Structure formats: C-alpha cells, structure tokens
C-alpha cells in the first residue's frame, strides 16, 4: 500500500470532499481508504470512532485538519490489515488471545453502558442553575480571583523545515491586513484546544503563562489590540491579541456558571454510575478460598525464580 501520507494533499482532499457530498447515512459507510483488493476499507465512522480518544474540547479542531484525518485513517487501516492477517493465521483461536478479545469486547460494551447510564441522568436547566448558584453562594472564597487577563493567540509550532517563523510572520501580516483573528486561529493555530474557540485562552492570572508570552501580553493596553510582533516560546511562535483585563475580586456568577453546572451534572451522573456499580458488586459471590489458592500458586512460581 502506498502510504496515505505520501498522497498529494489535493488527492486526499478530493476523497474527503466526495464523501462529504453523500447523504449523511452514506457518509458513515462510504470507504475513505480501500486496500487488499477491496477487502479492507476504512470509513468515516471508523475515523470518528478512533478520534473519540481525543479530548472533546479540541476534537473538532483536530479533525478539521486534513493531515490529522489522513494519519488516523492510515493507522486504522494498518491495524485492520494486521487484524485480518491474524485471523487468517488462526491467532484468534489461541486461548490467551481469545480471552483478551472477550475482555476487550466486554470493556467496550461496559463503558458504553456506563455512558448510557450517565446520559440517562437529565437535569433541567432550572435545576442545574439552582444547584450551581447554591455552590457559588456556599463557598465564596473559592471564587476569589487575582487580577486577570483574557487573550487570544495563534500558535505556529516549531517545524522540521525551519520555516515556522516565516509562516507565522506571513499570517500576522494577513491579520494586520484584515484577516479576522478568530478565523485565522481556527484554521491555522497549532493549539487545537484554543483554536476551536477562535484562539481564546480564557481568563488567566500572573504566572500562568510562560514568561515571554506573559511579558508580551502585559505590554498590550487596549481590548482588541494585537501585538505587532511575533512572540517566541518553547512551543513556537505566537500571534497575540488582548481581549480584556479585570481587577482582583470575586468572579461574577455568570463567569463560572458553566463550570459549576458541568460539575453538578457530572456529580449526578457519577452518582448514577456508582449506584449501579455498587449494586452489581453486592450481587457478586466471591470464592475467597479459590482466589487464595490462585495467589498461593503464583507465589510459588515467584519464589522458584532464581
């Protein structure tokens, strides 16, 4: 197979665009990678499933990059071919492999069931807001904040070709020429988490950011002001925009409301999960003597080793 990475960007893009032109149901099953004389395919659904490992906050930004999708598609394809080879050679009949396969299946299904239990917990917006406000009022010290700054940035990471600074300078020039900062961040920033939010880093206090970045932000005075210079850190080259500043004090409820509502929701969901897990545990009958005998057997094996 010719490496997916070695395809031209145009060819890969055409494959992706062709898939996106299909109806939604067909998109998930339409092959994006085909090999082994058509016996092995990778679909959009396969790639999306593999990308579940990427944190949700940055997943969309990661998947918006064609090189990331191509790399993931190749990894899925390679694993699928190797798995097919293993089946042909009968490795799935090996007792240890068969047991591992069964446990992998059970792990995936049990995780899915726990996820379903979480999703079954439904709290109204009014309930979430009420509980969140109770948490806010009951512990005001938690929400004390020092003077804070809010900024956006675009990161162009160091690259093997040594042209990161050149690319960052070209992008800064385009922004100065009118390219919206948020659009540029979503499309070009190497910080995927903030890229998904138009480069927004949220509120941060002194000492949070690396020093060159913090020093540069400290020189900006007007909301919306963009640093006319690139800022280099160990991560690469940054283009920085000041959003706003605020004095020390208690954070407004609306600023922390989403975080608190997420905490309330997560607590309710975890309690539902834990209730089910504890109920399952109570129903288990453990053969303690059998486990003790098993432990003793392995203790003997350990002692016998030189």
Protein backbone atom coordinates (compact mmCIF):
# COMPACT_ATOMS: atom_id res chain seq x y z
CA UNK A 1 0.00 0.00 0.00
CA UNK A 2 1.24 3.48 -0.81
CA UNK A 3 1.39 5.42 2.47
CA UNK A 4 -1.58 7.68 2.97
CA UNK A 5 0.84 10.39 3.99
CA UNK A 6 2.53 10.21 0.62
CA UNK A 7 -0.63 11.11 -1.27
CA UNK A 8 -0.85 14.62 -2.60
CA UNK A 9 -2.99 16.94 -0.49
CA UNK A 10 -5.22 17.56 -3.46
CA UNK A 11 -5.94 13.87 -3.97
CA UNK A 12 -6.73 13.32 -0.31
CA UNK A 13 -8.94 16.38 -0.24
CA UNK A 14 -10.90 15.13 -3.25
CA UNK A 15 -11.56 11.84 -1.49
CA UNK A 16 -12.84 13.65 1.60
CA UNK A 17 -14.98 16.08 -0.40
CA UNK A 18 -16.51 13.22 -2.37
CA UNK A 19 -17.51 11.53 0.86
CA UNK A 20 -18.99 14.74 2.28
CA UNK A 21 -21.14 15.13 -0.83
CA UNK A 22 -23.00 11.92 0.05
CA UNK A 23 -26.13 11.81 2.22
CA UNK A 24 -25.39 11.65 5.96
CA UNK A 25 -26.20 7.93 6.27
CA UNK A 26 -23.96 7.04 3.33
CA UNK A 27 -21.09 9.18 4.60
CA UNK A 28 -20.51 6.90 7.58
CA UNK A 29 -20.18 3.77 5.43
CA UNK A 30 -18.56 5.17 2.28
CA UNK A 31 -14.93 3.96 2.02
CA UNK A 32 -12.34 6.68 2.53
CA UNK A 33 -9.48 4.17 2.32
CA UNK A 34 -9.59 0.90 0.39
CA UNK A 35 -6.93 -1.81 0.09
CA UNK A 36 -6.17 -5.52 -0.12
CA UNK A 37 -8.16 -5.71 -3.38
CA UNK A 38 -11.16 -4.09 -1.76
CA UNK A 39 -11.26 -6.50 1.17
CA UNK A 40 -10.22 -3.83 3.70
CA UNK A 41 -11.88 -0.42 3.94
CA UNK A 42 -11.82 2.48 6.36
CA UNK A 43 -14.93 4.65 6.62
CA UNK A 44 -15.76 8.00 8.14
CA UNK A 45 -17.39 6.19 11.06
CA UNK A 46 -14.13 4.30 11.70
CA UNK A 47 -12.14 7.53 11.84
CA UNK A 48 -14.69 9.23 14.08
CA UNK A 49 -14.64 6.25 16.45
CA UNK A 50 -10.84 6.34 16.62
CA UNK A 51 -10.92 10.08 17.27
CA UNK A 52 -13.03 9.55 20.38
CA UNK A 53 -9.72 9.31 22.23
CA UNK A 54 -9.04 12.99 21.52
CA UNK A 55 -10.39 15.31 24.27
CA UNK A 56 -13.80 16.62 23.26
CA UNK A 57 -12.75 20.25 23.74
CA UNK A 58 -10.21 20.03 20.93
CA UNK A 59 -11.60 17.14 18.85
CA UNK A 60 -13.33 19.28 16.22
CA UNK A 61 -10.21 21.40 15.70
CA UNK A 62 -8.04 18.29 15.38
CA UNK A 63 -10.44 16.71 12.89
CA UNK A 64 -10.61 19.90 10.84
CA UNK A 65 -7.01 19.27 9.70
CA UNK A 66 -6.69 17.00 6.65
CA UNK A 67 -3.27 15.74 7.77
CA UNK A 68 -4.69 14.57 11.11
CA UNK A 69 -7.54 12.71 9.40
CA UNK A 70 -5.14 11.14 6.91
CA UNK A 71 -2.79 9.99 9.68
CA UNK A 72 -5.65 8.49 11.67
CA UNK A 73 -7.08 6.76 8.58
CA UNK A 74 -3.71 5.16 7.92
CA UNK A 75 -3.43 3.92 11.49
CA UNK A 76 -6.90 2.38 11.38
CA UNK A 77 -6.11 0.75 8.03
CA UNK A 78 -2.83 -0.76 9.22
CA UNK A 79 -4.45 -2.18 12.36
CA UNK A 80 -7.29 -3.62 10.29
CA UNK A 81 -4.95 -5.35 7.84
CA UNK A 82 -2.86 -6.79 10.68
CA UNK A 83 -6.03 -8.00 12.41
CA UNK A 84 -7.16 -9.70 9.19
CA UNK A 85 -3.75 -11.36 8.91
CA UNK A 86 -4.09 -12.60 12.49
CA UNK A 87 -7.50 -14.13 11.73
CA UNK A 88 -6.14 -15.87 8.65
CA UNK A 89 -3.37 -17.43 10.69
CA UNK A 90 -5.81 -18.55 13.38
CA UNK A 91 -4.44 -16.40 16.20
CA UNK A 92 -7.98 -15.73 17.41
CA UNK A 93 -8.16 -19.42 18.41
CA UNK A 94 -5.24 -19.01 20.81
CA UNK A 95 -6.77 -19.20 24.34
CA UNK A 96 -4.94 -16.15 25.64
CA UNK A 97 -5.81 -14.09 22.56
CA UNK A 98 -9.43 -15.26 22.70
CA UNK A 99 -9.67 -14.27 26.37
CA UNK A 100 -8.14 -10.86 25.64
CA UNK A 101 -10.59 -10.34 22.77
CA UNK A 102 -13.52 -11.23 25.00
CA UNK A 103 -12.33 -8.82 27.68
CA UNK A 104 -11.78 -6.05 25.14
CA UNK A 105 -15.36 -6.55 23.90
CA UNK A 106 -16.71 -6.53 27.45
CA UNK A 107 -14.70 -3.42 28.31
CA UNK A 108 -16.10 -1.53 25.32
CA UNK A 109 -19.66 -2.67 25.99
CA UNK A 110 -19.44 -1.93 29.73
CA UNK A 111 -18.03 1.53 29.05
CA UNK A 112 -20.87 2.13 26.59
CA UNK A 113 -23.40 1.02 29.21
CA UNK A 114 -21.90 3.31 31.84
CA UNK A 115 -22.07 6.11 29.28
CA UNK A 116 -25.72 5.32 28.66
CA UNK A 117 -26.39 5.46 32.41
CA UNK A 118 -24.74 8.90 32.52
CA UNK A 119 -26.77 10.14 29.60
CA UNK A 120 -29.98 8.93 31.23
CA UNK A 121 -29.49 11.49 34.02
CA UNK A 122 -31.45 14.51 32.87
CA UNK A 123 -31.46 17.71 34.91
CA UNK A 124 -33.48 20.70 33.75
CA UNK A 125 -31.75 23.99 33.05
CA UNK A 126 -33.52 25.49 36.07
CA UNK A 127 -32.29 22.70 38.36
CA UNK A 128 -28.73 22.98 37.11
CA UNK A 129 -28.72 26.75 37.57
CA UNK A 130 -30.19 26.49 41.07
CA UNK A 131 -27.64 23.93 42.26
CA UNK A 132 -24.81 25.87 40.63
CA UNK A 133 -25.87 29.07 42.39
CA UNK A 134 -26.03 27.19 45.72
CA UNK A 135 -22.42 26.06 45.25
CA UNK A 136 -21.42 29.61 44.31
CA UNK A 137 -23.05 31.14 47.40
CA UNK A 138 -21.86 28.48 49.85
CA UNK A 139 -18.15 28.86 49.10
CA UNK A 140 -17.34 32.45 48.04
CA UNK A 141 -13.62 32.06 48.83
CA UNK A 142 -13.37 29.50 46.05
CA UNK A 143 -14.22 32.20 43.53
CA UNK A 144 -11.83 34.86 44.71
CA UNK A 145 -9.58 35.76 41.80
CA UNK A 146 -6.49 37.95 41.41
CA UNK A 147 -6.22 40.50 38.66
CA UNK A 148 -6.73 38.62 35.41
CA UNK A 149 -6.15 38.98 31.69
CA UNK A 150 -8.02 37.45 28.81
CA UNK A 151 -6.26 36.96 25.48
CA UNK A 152 -6.36 35.10 22.21
CA UNK A 153 -3.39 33.58 20.47
CA UNK A 154 -2.39 31.69 17.36
CA UNK A 155 0.45 29.20 17.72
CA UNK A 156 2.65 28.24 14.81
CA UNK A 157 4.72 25.42 16.26
CA UNK A 158 8.39 24.86 15.52
CA UNK A 159 8.78 22.74 12.40
CA UNK A 160 11.46 20.49 10.94
CA UNK A 161 11.78 22.68 7.84
CA UNK A 162 12.71 25.70 9.97
CA UNK A 163 10.07 27.89 8.33
CA UNK A 164 7.71 28.30 11.29
CA UNK A 165 8.73 31.92 11.88
CA UNK A 166 8.27 32.71 8.20
CA UNK A 167 4.77 31.17 8.21
CA UNK A 168 3.85 33.00 11.41
CA UNK A 169 5.09 36.33 10.03
CA UNK A 170 3.09 35.83 6.84
CA UNK A 171 -0.05 35.07 8.87
CA UNK A 172 0.49 38.10 11.13
CA UNK A 173 0.75 40.28 8.04
CA UNK A 174 -2.55 38.91 6.75
CA UNK A 175 -4.21 39.61 10.09
CA UNK A 176 -2.89 43.16 10.05
CA UNK A 177 -4.32 43.36 6.54
CA UNK A 178 -7.81 42.48 7.73
CA UNK A 179 -7.99 38.69 8.14
CA UNK A 180 -10.20 38.15 11.24
CA UNK A 181 -8.09 36.92 14.16
CA UNK A 182 -10.63 34.28 15.24
CA UNK A 183 -10.92 32.83 11.74
CA UNK A 184 -7.13 32.64 11.42
CA UNK A 185 -6.88 30.90 14.81
CA UNK A 186 -9.47 28.27 13.91
CA UNK A 187 -7.75 27.50 10.63
CA UNK A 188 -4.04 27.77 11.40
CA UNK A 189 -3.32 27.58 15.15
CA UNK A 190 -1.37 24.58 16.40
CA UNK A 191 -3.03 24.93 19.82
CA UNK A 192 -6.06 22.83 18.96
CA UNK A 193 -7.93 23.45 22.24
CA UNK A 194 -7.93 27.24 21.89
CA UNK A 195 -8.18 27.11 18.08
CA UNK A 196 -11.68 25.66 18.41
CA UNK A 197 -12.61 28.83 20.34
CA UNK A 198 -11.03 31.29 17.93
CA UNK A 199 -7.78 31.29 19.88
CA UNK A 200 -9.45 32.31 23.15
CA UNK A 201 -7.36 31.33 26.19
CA UNK A 202 -9.96 32.49 28.69
CA UNK A 203 -9.09 34.41 31.84
CA UNK A 204 -5.67 33.81 33.39
CA UNK A 205 -3.66 35.39 36.19
CA UNK A 206 0.01 36.34 36.50
CA UNK A 207 2.37 33.37 36.49
CA UNK A 208 0.03 31.15 34.48
CA UNK A 209 1.68 31.57 31.10
CA UNK A 210 5.30 31.16 30.08
CA UNK A 211 7.27 34.36 30.69
CA UNK A 212 7.84 35.60 27.09
CA UNK A 213 4.11 35.22 26.42
CA UNK A 214 3.12 36.91 29.68
CA UNK A 215 5.56 39.78 29.13
CA UNK A 216 4.15 40.39 25.66
CA UNK A 217 0.54 40.36 26.86
CA UNK A 218 1.48 42.76 29.67
CA UNK A 219 2.54 45.39 27.13
CA UNK A 220 -0.85 45.43 25.41
CA UNK A 221 -3.23 48.05 26.80
CA UNK A 222 -6.39 48.24 24.67
CA UNK A 223 -9.00 45.47 24.28
CA UNK A 224 -8.68 44.05 20.78
CA UNK A 225 -5.08 45.20 20.40
CA UNK A 226 -2.82 42.78 18.52
CA UNK A 227 0.88 42.53 19.32
CA UNK A 228 2.66 43.86 16.22
CA UNK A 229 5.49 41.38 16.81
CA UNK A 230 5.74 37.61 16.92
CA UNK A 231 6.40 36.15 20.37
CA UNK A 232 8.64 33.09 20.51
CA UNK A 233 8.39 30.50 23.30
CA UNK A 234 9.49 26.89 23.57
CA UNK A 235 6.21 25.96 21.86
CA UNK A 236 6.74 28.03 18.74
CA UNK A 237 5.71 31.47 17.51
CA UNK A 238 2.63 33.20 18.92
CA UNK A 239 0.42 35.90 17.49
CA UNK A 240 -1.33 37.55 20.45
CA UNK A 241 -4.46 39.65 20.85
CA UNK A 242 -5.60 41.23 24.14
CA UNK A 243 -9.30 40.65 24.82
CA UNK A 244 -9.71 42.39 28.19
CA UNK A 245 -8.45 42.82 31.74
CA UNK A 246 -10.19 42.83 35.13
CA UNK A 247 -9.23 43.72 38.69
CA UNK A 248 -8.92 41.28 41.59
CA UNK A 249 -12.19 40.28 43.27
CA UNK A 250 -14.95 37.66 43.33
CA UNK A 251 -15.60 36.19 39.92
CA UNK A 252 -19.12 37.00 38.70
CA UNK A 253 -21.51 34.04 38.83
CA UNK A 254 -22.05 34.15 35.08
CA UNK A 255 -18.32 33.68 34.51
CA UNK A 256 -18.27 30.44 36.49
CA UNK A 257 -21.83 29.30 35.85
CA UNK A 258 -20.97 26.90 33.03
CA UNK A 259 -18.18 25.30 35.08
CA UNK A 260 -20.44 24.87 38.11
CA UNK A 261 -23.32 23.48 36.06
CA UNK A 262 -20.93 20.97 34.50
CA UNK A 263 -19.77 19.98 37.99
CA UNK A 264 -23.36 19.50 39.15
CA UNK A 265 -24.21 17.45 36.07
CA UNK A 266 -21.05 15.34 36.41
CA UNK A 267 -21.74 14.68 40.10
CA UNK A 268 -25.28 13.49 39.36
CA UNK A 269 -24.04 11.28 36.53
CA UNK A 270 -21.22 9.80 38.61
CA UNK A 271 -23.63 9.05 41.44
CA UNK A 272 -25.87 7.19 38.98
CA UNK A 273 -22.88 5.21 37.70
CA UNK A 274 -21.67 4.43 41.19
CA UNK A 275 -25.11 3.31 42.32
CA UNK A 276 -25.24 0.77 39.51
CA UNK A 277 -21.67 -0.43 40.07
CA UNK A 278 -22.26 -0.90 43.79
CA UNK A 279 -25.47 -2.82 43.10
CA UNK A 280 -23.56 -5.14 40.76
CA UNK A 281 -20.81 -5.64 43.33
CA UNK A 282 -23.32 -6.57 46.02
CA UNK A 283 -24.68 -9.30 43.76
CA UNK A 284 -21.29 -10.96 43.24
CA UNK A 285 -20.34 -14.12 45.14
CA UNK A 286 -16.57 -14.30 45.56
CA UNK A 287 -14.82 -17.64 46.07
CA UNK A 288 -12.21 -16.37 48.53
CA UNK A 289 -10.54 -19.79 49.06
CA UNK A 290 -10.26 -20.17 45.29
CA UNK A 291 -8.57 -16.77 44.96
CA UNK A 292 -6.27 -17.58 47.87
CA UNK A 293 -5.25 -20.84 46.18
CA UNK A 294 -4.57 -18.99 42.94
CA UNK A 295 -2.44 -16.40 44.76
CA UNK A 296 -0.51 -19.14 46.52
CA UNK A 297 0.19 -20.86 43.20
CA UNK A 298 1.69 -17.69 41.75
CA UNK A 299 3.63 -17.08 44.97
CA UNK A 300 5.31 -20.46 44.50
CA UNK A 301 6.19 -19.60 40.90
CA UNK A 302 7.69 -16.31 42.05
CA UNK A 303 9.72 -17.98 44.77
CA UNK A 304 11.01 -20.62 42.34
CA UNK A 305 12.56 -18.00 40.04
CA UNK A 306 16.33 -17.54 40.52
